[in-house]
């Protein structure tokens, strides 16, 4: 296991693009991730976390990468304007699967977030979108800081990046129900449902 303080190094980007599994800080909680285009790496994360493949993983991406993967409707654009980068994960319709690992897709939708952490966004610009699940074993509490991550989990990955501390609470996961013109909340997080409602008051 390597502990690397500088994020934007060519060798780190190459390793992630090649399928390295890595632990990294976000603005919310510590994450464990890999490129979304390497099925073997995604499989490793399922096994490391002890997570059922019936449950998908969210994806972290830059705003430009989100637009490449999905088409945002008016309500989703309003939420993105107000809460991205930030602690909102939106369930969005995927344009096309391409080489994206199929286990990250549910009903032709993916869960996407633009994190509010500059070094992570800079890394994503180089690596492309990555798996954005929390760095814990399935069912265990999320880790706000590196010291909260299990030593056993740390031993299972290829890279450990950074040592900043996030909010300690996962993002809110929501999807816009166009037919009923309301948000569906799949996981409550730091961002309140009322804040999402406020974002779309002028278009519903």
N, C-alpha and C. Protein backbone atom coordinates (compact mmCIF):
# COMPACT_ATOMS: atom_id res chain seq x y z
N UNK A 1 0.84 -1.19 0.00
CA UNK A 1 0.00 0.00 0.00
C UNK A 1 0.88 1.25 0.00
N UNK A 2 0.57 2.18 -0.86
CA UNK A 2 1.30 3.43 -0.94
C UNK A 2 0.50 4.56 -0.32
N UNK A 3 1.17 5.41 0.40
CA UNK A 3 0.53 6.61 0.93
C UNK A 3 1.12 7.80 0.20
N UNK A 4 0.33 8.43 -0.64
CA UNK A 4 0.83 9.48 -1.52
C UNK A 4 0.18 10.81 -1.17
N UNK A 5 0.98 11.80 -0.83
CA UNK A 5 0.45 13.09 -0.42
C UNK A 5 0.06 13.95 -1.62
N UNK A 6 0.79 13.85 -2.71
CA UNK A 6 0.49 14.65 -3.89
C UNK A 6 -0.44 13.85 -4.80
N UNK A 7 -1.57 14.47 -5.12
CA UNK A 7 -2.58 13.77 -5.89
C UNK A 7 -2.29 13.74 -7.38
N UNK A 8 -1.85 14.86 -7.89
CA UNK A 8 -1.79 14.99 -9.34
C UNK A 8 -0.42 14.60 -9.88
N UNK A 9 -0.08 13.35 -9.69
CA UNK A 9 1.17 12.81 -10.21
C UNK A 9 0.84 11.85 -11.34
N UNK A 10 1.65 11.90 -12.35
CA UNK A 10 1.36 11.10 -13.54
C UNK A 10 1.21 9.63 -13.22
N UNK A 11 2.05 9.09 -12.32
CA UNK A 11 1.99 7.66 -12.03
C UNK A 11 0.71 7.27 -11.31
N UNK A 12 0.17 8.20 -10.48
CA UNK A 12 -1.08 7.91 -9.80
C UNK A 12 -2.21 7.80 -10.82
N UNK A 13 -2.27 8.74 -11.73
CA UNK A 13 -3.31 8.74 -12.76
C UNK A 13 -3.22 7.48 -13.60
N UNK A 14 -2.01 7.10 -13.97
CA UNK A 14 -1.82 5.89 -14.78
C UNK A 14 -2.31 4.66 -14.05
N UNK A 15 -2.01 4.57 -12.75
CA UNK A 15 -2.43 3.41 -11.96
C UNK A 15 -3.95 3.33 -11.85
N UNK A 16 -4.58 4.48 -11.63
CA UNK A 16 -6.04 4.49 -11.52
C UNK A 16 -6.68 4.13 -12.85
N UNK A 17 -6.17 4.70 -13.92
CA UNK A 17 -6.71 4.35 -15.25
C UNK A 17 -6.53 2.87 -15.55
N UNK A 18 -5.47 2.28 -15.02
CA UNK A 18 -5.17 0.86 -15.28
C UNK A 18 -5.95 -0.08 -14.37
N UNK A 19 -6.68 0.48 -13.37
CA UNK A 19 -7.52 -0.38 -12.55
C UNK A 19 -7.16 -0.43 -11.08
N UNK A 20 -6.31 0.48 -10.60
CA UNK A 20 -5.97 0.49 -9.17
C UNK A 20 -7.20 0.83 -8.34
N UNK A 21 -7.30 0.19 -7.19
CA UNK A 21 -8.34 0.52 -6.21
C UNK A 21 -7.69 1.43 -5.17
N UNK A 22 -8.35 2.55 -4.85
CA UNK A 22 -7.70 3.52 -3.97
C UNK A 22 -8.69 4.11 -2.96
N UNK A 23 -8.14 4.57 -1.86
CA UNK A 23 -8.92 5.24 -0.81
C UNK A 23 -8.56 6.71 -0.85
N UNK A 24 -9.56 7.57 -0.68
CA UNK A 24 -9.34 9.00 -0.88
C UNK A 24 -10.36 9.81 -0.08
N UNK A 25 -10.00 11.03 0.32
CA UNK A 25 -10.96 11.89 1.02
C UNK A 25 -11.90 12.58 0.04
N UNK A 26 -13.10 12.88 0.53
CA UNK A 26 -14.02 13.74 -0.22
C UNK A 26 -14.50 14.83 0.74
N UNK A 27 -15.41 15.65 0.28
CA UNK A 27 -15.97 16.69 1.14
C UNK A 27 -16.97 16.13 2.14
N UNK A 28 -17.41 14.88 1.97
CA UNK A 28 -18.38 14.28 2.88
C UNK A 28 -17.70 13.22 3.76
N UNK A 29 -17.39 12.06 3.18
CA UNK A 29 -16.71 10.99 3.92
C UNK A 29 -15.58 10.43 3.05
N UNK A 30 -14.72 9.62 3.67
CA UNK A 30 -13.67 8.97 2.88
C UNK A 30 -14.29 7.96 1.92
N UNK A 31 -13.71 7.88 0.73
CA UNK A 31 -14.24 6.98 -0.28
C UNK A 31 -13.25 5.91 -0.67
N UNK A 32 -13.78 4.83 -1.23
CA UNK A 32 -12.96 3.81 -1.87
C UNK A 32 -13.43 3.74 -3.31
N UNK A 33 -12.49 3.80 -4.25
CA UNK A 33 -12.91 3.91 -5.63
C UNK A 33 -11.96 3.28 -6.62
N UNK A 34 -12.36 3.37 -7.86
CA UNK A 34 -11.57 2.92 -9.01
C UNK A 34 -12.22 3.53 -10.24
N UNK A 35 -11.58 3.42 -11.37
CA UNK A 35 -12.21 3.88 -12.60
C UNK A 35 -13.50 3.10 -12.84
N UNK A 36 -14.51 3.77 -13.36
CA UNK A 36 -15.79 3.11 -13.60
C UNK A 36 -15.76 2.23 -14.84
N UNK A 37 -14.64 2.23 -15.54
CA UNK A 37 -14.53 1.50 -16.80
C UNK A 37 -13.72 0.21 -16.68
N UNK A 38 -13.39 -0.21 -15.47
CA UNK A 38 -12.62 -1.43 -15.27
C UNK A 38 -13.43 -2.38 -14.38
N UNK A 39 -14.02 -3.40 -14.98
CA UNK A 39 -14.91 -4.31 -14.26
C UNK A 39 -14.19 -5.10 -13.18
N UNK A 40 -12.94 -5.46 -13.41
CA UNK A 40 -12.19 -6.21 -12.40
C UNK A 40 -11.97 -5.36 -11.15
N UNK A 41 -11.69 -4.07 -11.35
CA UNK A 41 -11.49 -3.17 -10.22
C UNK A 41 -12.80 -2.96 -9.46
N UNK A 42 -13.90 -2.78 -10.18
CA UNK A 42 -15.20 -2.64 -9.54
C UNK A 42 -15.53 -3.89 -8.74
N UNK A 43 -15.22 -5.04 -9.31
CA UNK A 43 -15.45 -6.31 -8.61
C UNK A 43 -14.67 -6.38 -7.31
N UNK A 44 -13.44 -5.89 -7.32
CA UNK A 44 -12.63 -5.88 -6.10
C UNK A 44 -13.29 -5.06 -5.00
N UNK A 45 -13.88 -3.92 -5.37
CA UNK A 45 -14.51 -3.07 -4.36
C UNK A 45 -15.73 -3.76 -3.76
N UNK A 46 -16.53 -4.43 -4.58
CA UNK A 46 -17.64 -5.20 -4.03
C UNK A 46 -17.14 -6.21 -3.00
N UNK A 47 -16.05 -6.90 -3.33
CA UNK A 47 -15.53 -7.93 -2.44
C UNK A 47 -14.89 -7.33 -1.20
N UNK A 48 -14.14 -6.24 -1.35
CA UNK A 48 -13.48 -5.60 -0.20
C UNK A 48 -14.52 -5.12 0.80
N UNK A 49 -15.60 -4.51 0.30
CA UNK A 49 -16.63 -3.97 1.18
C UNK A 49 -17.59 -5.05 1.70
N UNK A 50 -17.59 -6.22 1.04
CA UNK A 50 -18.56 -7.24 1.40
C UNK A 50 -19.97 -6.83 1.03
N UNK A 51 -20.09 -6.18 -0.11
CA UNK A 51 -21.37 -5.60 -0.54
C UNK A 51 -22.02 -6.47 -1.60
N UNK A 52 -23.32 -6.63 -1.51
CA UNK A 52 -24.06 -7.39 -2.49
C UNK A 52 -24.06 -6.66 -3.83
N UNK A 53 -23.93 -7.41 -4.92
CA UNK A 53 -23.95 -6.79 -6.24
C UNK A 53 -25.36 -6.35 -6.64
N UNK A 54 -26.35 -6.66 -5.81
CA UNK A 54 -27.70 -6.15 -6.06
C UNK A 54 -27.78 -4.66 -5.75
N UNK A 55 -26.79 -4.15 -5.02
CA UNK A 55 -26.74 -2.72 -4.70
C UNK A 55 -25.63 -2.09 -5.53
N UNK A 56 -25.94 -0.99 -6.17
CA UNK A 56 -24.97 -0.31 -7.03
C UNK A 56 -24.07 0.60 -6.21
N UNK A 57 -23.11 1.22 -6.88
CA UNK A 57 -22.24 2.23 -6.28
C UNK A 57 -22.50 3.58 -6.94
N UNK A 58 -22.42 4.67 -6.20
CA UNK A 58 -22.46 5.99 -6.83
C UNK A 58 -21.16 6.29 -7.57
N UNK A 59 -21.22 7.31 -8.40
CA UNK A 59 -20.07 7.72 -9.21
C UNK A 59 -19.74 9.17 -8.90
N UNK A 60 -18.44 9.46 -8.74
CA UNK A 60 -17.98 10.84 -8.61
C UNK A 60 -17.42 11.30 -9.95
N UNK A 61 -17.75 12.52 -10.34
CA UNK A 61 -17.34 13.02 -11.65
C UNK A 61 -17.28 14.54 -11.62
N UNK A 62 -16.63 15.12 -12.61
CA UNK A 62 -16.68 16.57 -12.79
C UNK A 62 -18.00 16.93 -13.46
N UNK A 63 -18.35 18.20 -13.45
CA UNK A 63 -19.59 18.64 -14.09
C UNK A 63 -19.60 18.31 -15.58
N UNK A 64 -18.47 18.48 -16.25
CA UNK A 64 -18.39 18.16 -17.68
C UNK A 64 -18.60 16.67 -17.92
N UNK A 65 -18.03 15.83 -17.05
CA UNK A 65 -18.19 14.38 -17.19
C UNK A 65 -19.63 13.96 -16.95
N UNK A 66 -20.31 14.63 -16.02
CA UNK A 66 -21.73 14.35 -15.79
C UNK A 66 -22.52 14.61 -17.06
N UNK A 67 -22.24 15.72 -17.72
CA UNK A 67 -22.97 16.05 -18.95
C UNK A 67 -22.68 15.07 -20.07
N UNK A 68 -21.50 14.46 -20.06
CA UNK A 68 -21.18 13.45 -21.06
C UNK A 68 -21.95 12.16 -20.82
N UNK A 69 -22.21 11.85 -19.54
CA UNK A 69 -22.87 10.60 -19.18
C UNK A 69 -24.39 10.68 -19.22
N UNK A 70 -24.94 11.86 -18.93
CA UNK A 70 -26.39 11.98 -18.76
C UNK A 70 -26.94 13.26 -19.38
N UNK A 71 -28.26 13.29 -19.52
CA UNK A 71 -28.98 14.51 -19.89
C UNK A 71 -29.76 14.98 -18.68
N UNK A 72 -29.45 16.16 -18.16
CA UNK A 72 -30.15 16.69 -17.01
C UNK A 72 -31.39 17.47 -17.45
N UNK A 73 -32.53 17.16 -16.83
CA UNK A 73 -33.74 17.92 -17.08
C UNK A 73 -33.69 19.25 -16.35
N UNK A 74 -34.75 20.05 -16.48
CA UNK A 74 -34.76 21.39 -15.89
C UNK A 74 -34.60 21.34 -14.37
N UNK A 75 -35.32 20.44 -13.71
CA UNK A 75 -35.24 20.34 -12.25
C UNK A 75 -33.85 19.90 -11.82
N UNK A 76 -33.29 18.95 -12.54
CA UNK A 76 -31.96 18.45 -12.20
C UNK A 76 -30.89 19.51 -12.45
N UNK A 77 -31.08 20.29 -13.51
CA UNK A 77 -30.15 21.40 -13.76
C UNK A 77 -30.22 22.43 -12.64
N UNK A 78 -31.42 22.70 -12.15
CA UNK A 78 -31.57 23.66 -11.06
C UNK A 78 -30.90 23.16 -9.78
N UNK A 79 -31.05 21.86 -9.49
CA UNK A 79 -30.41 21.28 -8.32
C UNK A 79 -28.89 21.29 -8.46
N UNK A 80 -28.41 21.00 -9.67
CA UNK A 80 -26.97 21.03 -9.91
C UNK A 80 -26.42 22.44 -9.75
N UNK A 81 -27.18 23.42 -10.21
CA UNK A 81 -26.76 24.82 -10.08
C UNK A 81 -26.60 25.21 -8.61
N UNK A 82 -27.52 24.75 -7.78
CA UNK A 82 -27.52 25.15 -6.37
C UNK A 82 -26.66 24.28 -5.47
N UNK A 83 -26.45 23.03 -5.85
CA UNK A 83 -25.85 22.09 -4.89
C UNK A 83 -24.63 21.32 -5.41
N UNK A 84 -24.17 21.65 -6.61
CA UNK A 84 -22.93 21.06 -7.12
C UNK A 84 -21.93 22.16 -7.40
N UNK A 85 -20.65 21.96 -7.05
CA UNK A 85 -20.19 20.80 -6.30
C UNK A 85 -20.75 20.81 -4.88
N UNK A 86 -20.95 19.62 -4.32
CA UNK A 86 -21.51 19.55 -2.98
C UNK A 86 -22.03 18.18 -2.62
N UNK A 87 -22.85 18.15 -1.57
CA UNK A 87 -23.23 16.88 -0.96
C UNK A 87 -24.58 16.35 -1.44
N UNK A 88 -24.81 16.45 -2.74
CA UNK A 88 -25.99 15.89 -3.38
C UNK A 88 -25.56 14.85 -4.42
N UNK A 89 -26.11 13.64 -4.29
CA UNK A 89 -25.96 12.61 -5.31
C UNK A 89 -27.29 12.49 -6.03
N UNK A 90 -27.28 12.69 -7.34
CA UNK A 90 -28.51 12.60 -8.12
C UNK A 90 -28.56 11.32 -8.94
N UNK A 91 -29.72 10.68 -8.92
CA UNK A 91 -29.97 9.51 -9.76
C UNK A 91 -30.47 10.03 -11.10
N UNK A 92 -29.69 9.74 -12.15
CA UNK A 92 -29.93 10.36 -13.46
C UNK A 92 -29.99 9.32 -14.57
N UNK A 93 -30.73 9.64 -15.60
CA UNK A 93 -30.85 8.76 -16.76
C UNK A 93 -29.53 8.73 -17.53
N UNK A 94 -29.03 7.54 -17.79
CA UNK A 94 -27.77 7.36 -18.51
C UNK A 94 -27.99 7.51 -20.01
N UNK A 95 -27.11 8.23 -20.68
CA UNK A 95 -27.23 8.40 -22.13
C UNK A 95 -27.00 7.06 -22.83
N UNK A 96 -25.86 6.47 -22.58
CA UNK A 96 -25.54 5.15 -23.14
C UNK A 96 -24.49 4.49 -22.25
N UNK A 97 -24.52 3.17 -22.21
CA UNK A 97 -23.64 2.46 -21.29
C UNK A 97 -22.18 2.56 -21.69
N UNK A 98 -21.90 2.43 -22.96
CA UNK A 98 -20.50 2.45 -23.40
C UNK A 98 -19.69 1.40 -22.66
N UNK A 99 -18.56 1.79 -22.10
CA UNK A 99 -17.71 0.85 -21.36
C UNK A 99 -17.94 0.91 -19.85
N UNK A 100 -18.97 1.63 -19.43
CA UNK A 100 -19.28 1.74 -18.01
C UNK A 100 -19.68 0.38 -17.46
N UNK A 101 -19.10 0.01 -16.30
CA UNK A 101 -19.43 -1.28 -15.69
C UNK A 101 -20.94 -1.36 -15.43
N UNK A 102 -21.55 -2.46 -15.85
CA UNK A 102 -23.01 -2.58 -15.79
C UNK A 102 -23.55 -2.60 -14.36
N UNK A 103 -22.71 -2.96 -13.38
CA UNK A 103 -23.19 -3.02 -12.00
C UNK A 103 -23.37 -1.62 -11.39
N UNK A 104 -22.93 -0.61 -12.10
CA UNK A 104 -23.13 0.77 -11.65
C UNK A 104 -24.42 1.36 -12.20
N UNK A 105 -25.15 0.57 -12.97
CA UNK A 105 -26.37 1.03 -13.64
C UNK A 105 -27.57 0.27 -13.07
N UNK A 106 -28.62 1.00 -12.76
CA UNK A 106 -29.88 0.40 -12.31
C UNK A 106 -31.02 1.04 -13.10
N UNK A 107 -31.76 0.21 -13.83
CA UNK A 107 -32.89 0.71 -14.61
C UNK A 107 -32.48 1.86 -15.52
N UNK A 108 -31.32 1.70 -16.17
CA UNK A 108 -30.78 2.68 -17.11
C UNK A 108 -30.45 4.00 -16.43
N UNK A 109 -30.23 3.97 -15.13
CA UNK A 109 -29.88 5.16 -14.37
C UNK A 109 -28.58 4.95 -13.61
N UNK A 110 -27.90 6.06 -13.32
CA UNK A 110 -26.68 6.04 -12.50
C UNK A 110 -26.79 7.12 -11.43
N UNK A 111 -26.11 6.90 -10.32
CA UNK A 111 -26.08 7.88 -9.23
C UNK A 111 -24.79 8.67 -9.34
N UNK A 112 -24.90 10.00 -9.52
CA UNK A 112 -23.74 10.84 -9.81
C UNK A 112 -23.63 11.99 -8.82
N UNK A 113 -22.38 12.33 -8.49
CA UNK A 113 -22.14 13.48 -7.61
C UNK A 113 -20.88 14.22 -8.07
N UNK A 114 -20.91 15.54 -7.97
CA UNK A 114 -19.74 16.38 -8.21
C UNK A 114 -19.25 16.82 -6.83
N UNK A 115 -18.12 16.30 -6.36
CA UNK A 115 -17.65 16.61 -5.00
C UNK A 115 -17.08 18.02 -4.87
N UNK A 116 -17.19 18.57 -3.67
CA UNK A 116 -16.69 19.92 -3.41
C UNK A 116 -15.32 19.85 -2.74
N UNK A 117 -14.35 19.32 -3.46
CA UNK A 117 -12.98 19.21 -2.97
C UNK A 117 -12.05 19.38 -4.17
N UNK A 118 -11.35 20.50 -4.23
CA UNK A 118 -10.59 20.88 -5.42
C UNK A 118 -9.57 19.81 -5.86
N UNK A 119 -8.74 19.25 -4.95
CA UNK A 119 -7.78 18.24 -5.40
C UNK A 119 -8.44 17.02 -6.02
N UNK A 120 -9.62 16.63 -5.48
CA UNK A 120 -10.33 15.49 -6.04
C UNK A 120 -10.87 15.80 -7.42
N UNK A 121 -11.41 16.98 -7.61
CA UNK A 121 -11.90 17.37 -8.94
C UNK A 121 -10.76 17.42 -9.95
N UNK A 122 -9.61 17.90 -9.52
CA UNK A 122 -8.44 17.93 -10.41
C UNK A 122 -8.03 16.51 -10.80
N UNK A 123 -8.09 15.60 -9.84
CA UNK A 123 -7.76 14.21 -10.14
C UNK A 123 -8.76 13.61 -11.12
N UNK A 124 -10.05 13.88 -10.90
CA UNK A 124 -11.08 13.34 -11.78
C UNK A 124 -10.94 13.84 -13.21
N UNK A 125 -10.45 15.05 -13.37
CA UNK A 125 -10.21 15.57 -14.72
C UNK A 125 -9.21 14.71 -15.48
N UNK A 126 -8.29 14.11 -14.73
CA UNK A 126 -7.25 13.29 -15.36
C UNK A 126 -7.65 11.82 -15.47
N UNK A 127 -8.37 11.30 -14.49
CA UNK A 127 -8.69 9.87 -14.46
C UNK A 127 -10.02 9.54 -15.10
N UNK A 128 -10.91 10.53 -15.20
CA UNK A 128 -12.28 10.24 -15.57
C UNK A 128 -13.09 9.86 -14.33
N UNK A 129 -14.39 9.58 -14.48
CA UNK A 129 -15.25 9.27 -13.34
C UNK A 129 -14.75 8.04 -12.56
N UNK A 130 -15.00 8.07 -11.25
CA UNK A 130 -14.58 6.94 -10.40
C UNK A 130 -15.74 6.51 -9.50
N UNK A 131 -15.65 5.28 -9.03
CA UNK A 131 -16.60 4.79 -8.02
C UNK A 131 -16.48 5.68 -6.79
N UNK A 132 -17.64 6.06 -6.21
CA UNK A 132 -17.64 6.99 -5.09
C UNK A 132 -18.32 6.46 -3.86
N UNK A 133 -18.09 5.18 -3.53
CA UNK A 133 -18.70 4.60 -2.34
C UNK A 133 -17.85 4.87 -1.10
N UNK A 134 -18.44 4.81 0.08
CA UNK A 134 -17.71 5.11 1.31
C UNK A 134 -16.70 4.02 1.64
N UNK A 135 -15.60 4.44 2.26
CA UNK A 135 -14.50 3.52 2.58
C UNK A 135 -14.77 2.81 3.91
N UNK A 136 -15.73 1.90 3.85
CA UNK A 136 -16.06 1.10 5.03
C UNK A 136 -16.57 -0.26 4.57
N UNK A 137 -16.68 -1.17 5.53
CA UNK A 137 -17.30 -2.45 5.21
C UNK A 137 -18.81 -2.26 5.19
N UNK A 138 -19.49 -3.00 4.34
CA UNK A 138 -20.93 -2.84 4.19
C UNK A 138 -21.63 -2.95 5.54
N UNK A 139 -22.44 -1.94 5.86
CA UNK A 139 -23.15 -1.93 7.12
C UNK A 139 -22.44 -1.23 8.25
N UNK A 140 -21.16 -0.88 8.06
CA UNK A 140 -20.37 -0.19 9.10
C UNK A 140 -20.49 1.32 8.91
N UNK A 141 -20.19 2.11 9.96
CA UNK A 141 -20.27 3.57 9.84
C UNK A 141 -19.28 4.11 8.81
N UNK A 142 -19.67 5.20 8.16
CA UNK A 142 -18.78 5.86 7.21
C UNK A 142 -17.65 6.55 7.95
N UNK A 143 -16.52 6.75 7.27
CA UNK A 143 -15.32 7.33 7.87
C UNK A 143 -15.16 8.78 7.43
N UNK A 144 -15.14 9.71 8.40
CA UNK A 144 -14.93 11.12 8.07
C UNK A 144 -13.47 11.42 7.78
N UNK A 145 -12.57 10.72 8.47
CA UNK A 145 -11.14 10.94 8.31
C UNK A 145 -10.39 9.64 8.10
N UNK A 146 -9.15 9.74 7.68
CA UNK A 146 -8.36 8.55 7.38
C UNK A 146 -8.19 7.67 8.62
N UNK A 147 -8.11 8.33 9.80
CA UNK A 147 -7.93 7.56 11.03
C UNK A 147 -9.16 6.72 11.37
N UNK A 148 -10.29 7.00 10.72
CA UNK A 148 -11.52 6.24 10.96
C UNK A 148 -11.65 5.03 10.05
N UNK A 149 -10.80 4.93 9.04
CA UNK A 149 -10.88 3.83 8.09
C UNK A 149 -10.23 2.59 8.69
N UNK A 150 -10.87 1.45 8.54
CA UNK A 150 -10.35 0.19 9.08
C UNK A 150 -8.97 -0.12 8.53
N UNK A 151 -8.07 -0.54 9.41
CA UNK A 151 -6.72 -0.91 8.99
C UNK A 151 -6.76 -2.07 8.00
N UNK A 152 -7.69 -2.99 8.21
CA UNK A 152 -7.80 -4.12 7.29
C UNK A 152 -8.22 -3.65 5.90
N UNK A 153 -9.17 -2.70 5.86
CA UNK A 153 -9.60 -2.18 4.57
C UNK A 153 -8.45 -1.44 3.88
N UNK A 154 -7.69 -0.68 4.65
CA UNK A 154 -6.54 0.03 4.08
C UNK A 154 -5.54 -0.94 3.46
N UNK A 155 -5.40 -2.10 4.06
CA UNK A 155 -4.43 -3.09 3.56
C UNK A 155 -4.88 -3.76 2.27
N UNK A 156 -6.14 -3.59 1.91
CA UNK A 156 -6.69 -4.26 0.73
C UNK A 156 -6.59 -3.45 -0.55
N UNK A 157 -6.20 -2.17 -0.44
CA UNK A 157 -6.21 -1.30 -1.62
C UNK A 157 -4.79 -1.03 -2.12
N UNK A 158 -4.71 -0.42 -3.29
CA UNK A 158 -3.42 -0.17 -3.94
C UNK A 158 -2.83 1.20 -3.60
N UNK A 159 -3.70 2.20 -3.35
CA UNK A 159 -3.26 3.56 -3.10
C UNK A 159 -4.11 4.20 -2.00
N UNK A 160 -3.47 5.06 -1.21
CA UNK A 160 -4.19 5.88 -0.24
C UNK A 160 -3.78 7.33 -0.50
N UNK A 161 -4.77 8.18 -0.78
CA UNK A 161 -4.49 9.55 -1.17
C UNK A 161 -5.02 10.53 -0.13
N UNK A 162 -4.20 11.50 0.24
CA UNK A 162 -4.65 12.62 1.03
C UNK A 162 -5.00 12.32 2.47
N UNK A 163 -5.15 13.38 3.27
CA UNK A 163 -5.51 13.22 4.66
C UNK A 163 -6.46 14.30 5.16
N UNK A 164 -7.27 14.87 4.27
CA UNK A 164 -8.24 15.88 4.72
C UNK A 164 -9.44 15.19 5.37
N UNK A 165 -10.25 15.97 6.08
CA UNK A 165 -11.40 15.40 6.79
C UNK A 165 -12.69 16.02 6.26
N UNK A 166 -13.66 15.18 5.94
CA UNK A 166 -14.92 15.66 5.42
C UNK A 166 -15.94 15.92 6.51
N UNK A 167 -17.19 16.14 6.09
CA UNK A 167 -18.27 16.44 7.03
C UNK A 167 -18.57 15.27 7.96
N UNK A 168 -18.31 14.07 7.49
CA UNK A 168 -18.59 12.88 8.29
C UNK A 168 -19.96 12.29 8.05
N UNK A 169 -20.75 12.92 7.19
CA UNK A 169 -22.09 12.44 6.87
C UNK A 169 -22.20 12.27 5.36
N UNK A 170 -22.67 11.10 4.90
CA UNK A 170 -22.76 10.88 3.45
C UNK A 170 -23.68 11.88 2.77
N UNK A 171 -23.58 11.96 1.45
CA UNK A 171 -24.42 12.86 0.68
C UNK A 171 -25.87 12.40 0.68
N UNK A 172 -26.76 13.33 0.40
CA UNK A 172 -28.16 13.00 0.16
C UNK A 172 -28.29 12.42 -1.24
N UNK A 173 -29.00 11.31 -1.37
CA UNK A 173 -29.23 10.68 -2.68
C UNK A 173 -30.69 10.92 -3.07
N UNK A 174 -30.90 11.54 -4.22
CA UNK A 174 -32.25 11.90 -4.64
C UNK A 174 -32.40 11.78 -6.15
N UNK A 175 -33.63 11.57 -6.58
CA UNK A 175 -33.95 11.55 -8.00
C UNK A 175 -35.21 12.33 -8.25
N UNK A 176 -35.28 13.01 -9.39
CA UNK A 176 -36.44 13.82 -9.72
C UNK A 176 -37.50 12.96 -10.39
N UNK A 177 -38.70 12.94 -9.81
CA UNK A 177 -39.84 12.22 -10.37
C UNK A 177 -40.59 13.21 -11.26
N UNK A 178 -40.35 13.13 -12.57
CA UNK A 178 -40.91 14.12 -13.51
C UNK A 178 -42.42 14.04 -13.59
N UNK A 179 -42.98 12.83 -13.51
CA UNK A 179 -44.42 12.69 -13.65
C UNK A 179 -45.17 13.29 -12.46
N UNK A 180 -44.58 13.18 -11.26
CA UNK A 180 -45.21 13.73 -10.06
C UNK A 180 -44.63 15.08 -9.64
N UNK A 181 -43.61 15.51 -10.38
CA UNK A 181 -42.95 16.79 -10.12
C UNK A 181 -42.51 16.94 -8.66
N UNK A 182 -41.74 15.95 -8.22
CA UNK A 182 -41.22 16.00 -6.86
C UNK A 182 -39.94 15.19 -6.76
N UNK A 183 -39.17 15.44 -5.70
CA UNK A 183 -37.95 14.69 -5.46
C UNK A 183 -38.25 13.41 -4.70
N UNK A 184 -37.61 12.34 -5.12
CA UNK A 184 -37.64 11.08 -4.37
C UNK A 184 -36.32 11.01 -3.60
N UNK A 185 -36.39 10.88 -2.28
CA UNK A 185 -35.19 10.82 -1.45
C UNK A 185 -34.87 9.36 -1.16
N UNK A 186 -33.71 8.90 -1.66
CA UNK A 186 -33.31 7.51 -1.47
C UNK A 186 -32.41 7.33 -0.25
N UNK A 187 -31.72 8.40 0.12
CA UNK A 187 -30.91 8.38 1.34
C UNK A 187 -30.82 9.80 1.87
N UNK A 188 -31.15 9.98 3.13
CA UNK A 188 -31.04 11.29 3.74
C UNK A 188 -29.60 11.56 4.15
N UNK A 189 -29.11 12.72 3.83
CA UNK A 189 -27.76 13.11 4.19
C UNK A 189 -27.75 14.52 4.74
N UNK A 190 -26.62 15.20 4.58
CA UNK A 190 -26.47 16.55 5.10
C UNK A 190 -27.42 17.54 4.41
N UNK A 191 -27.68 17.32 3.13
CA UNK A 191 -28.55 18.22 2.37
C UNK A 191 -30.01 17.87 2.64
N UNK A 192 -30.80 18.83 3.11
CA UNK A 192 -32.19 18.59 3.45
C UNK A 192 -33.08 18.60 2.21
N UNK A 193 -34.16 17.82 2.28
CA UNK A 193 -35.11 17.77 1.17
C UNK A 193 -35.66 19.16 0.86
N UNK A 194 -35.86 19.98 1.90
CA UNK A 194 -36.38 21.33 1.70
C UNK A 194 -35.49 22.17 0.79
N UNK A 195 -34.18 21.94 0.88
CA UNK A 195 -33.24 22.68 0.04
C UNK A 195 -33.39 22.28 -1.43
N UNK A 196 -33.67 21.01 -1.68
CA UNK A 196 -33.92 20.55 -3.05
C UNK A 196 -35.21 21.15 -3.58
N UNK A 197 -36.23 21.16 -2.75
CA UNK A 197 -37.51 21.72 -3.15
C UNK A 197 -37.36 23.19 -3.52
N UNK A 198 -36.58 23.93 -2.73
CA UNK A 198 -36.35 25.35 -3.00
C UNK A 198 -35.70 25.56 -4.37
N UNK A 199 -34.86 24.63 -4.78
CA UNK A 199 -34.15 24.77 -6.06
C UNK A 199 -35.09 24.74 -7.25
N UNK A 200 -36.23 24.06 -7.11
CA UNK A 200 -37.12 23.88 -8.26
C UNK A 200 -38.44 24.62 -8.12
N UNK A 201 -38.55 25.50 -7.12
CA UNK A 201 -39.82 26.19 -6.89
C UNK A 201 -40.27 27.02 -8.09
N UNK A 202 -39.31 27.52 -8.86
CA UNK A 202 -39.67 28.40 -9.97
C UNK A 202 -39.99 27.63 -11.25
N UNK A 203 -39.89 26.29 -11.22
CA UNK A 203 -40.14 25.52 -12.45
C UNK A 203 -41.21 24.44 -12.27
N UNK A 204 -41.82 24.34 -11.08
CA UNK A 204 -42.88 23.34 -10.88
C UNK A 204 -44.21 24.02 -10.63
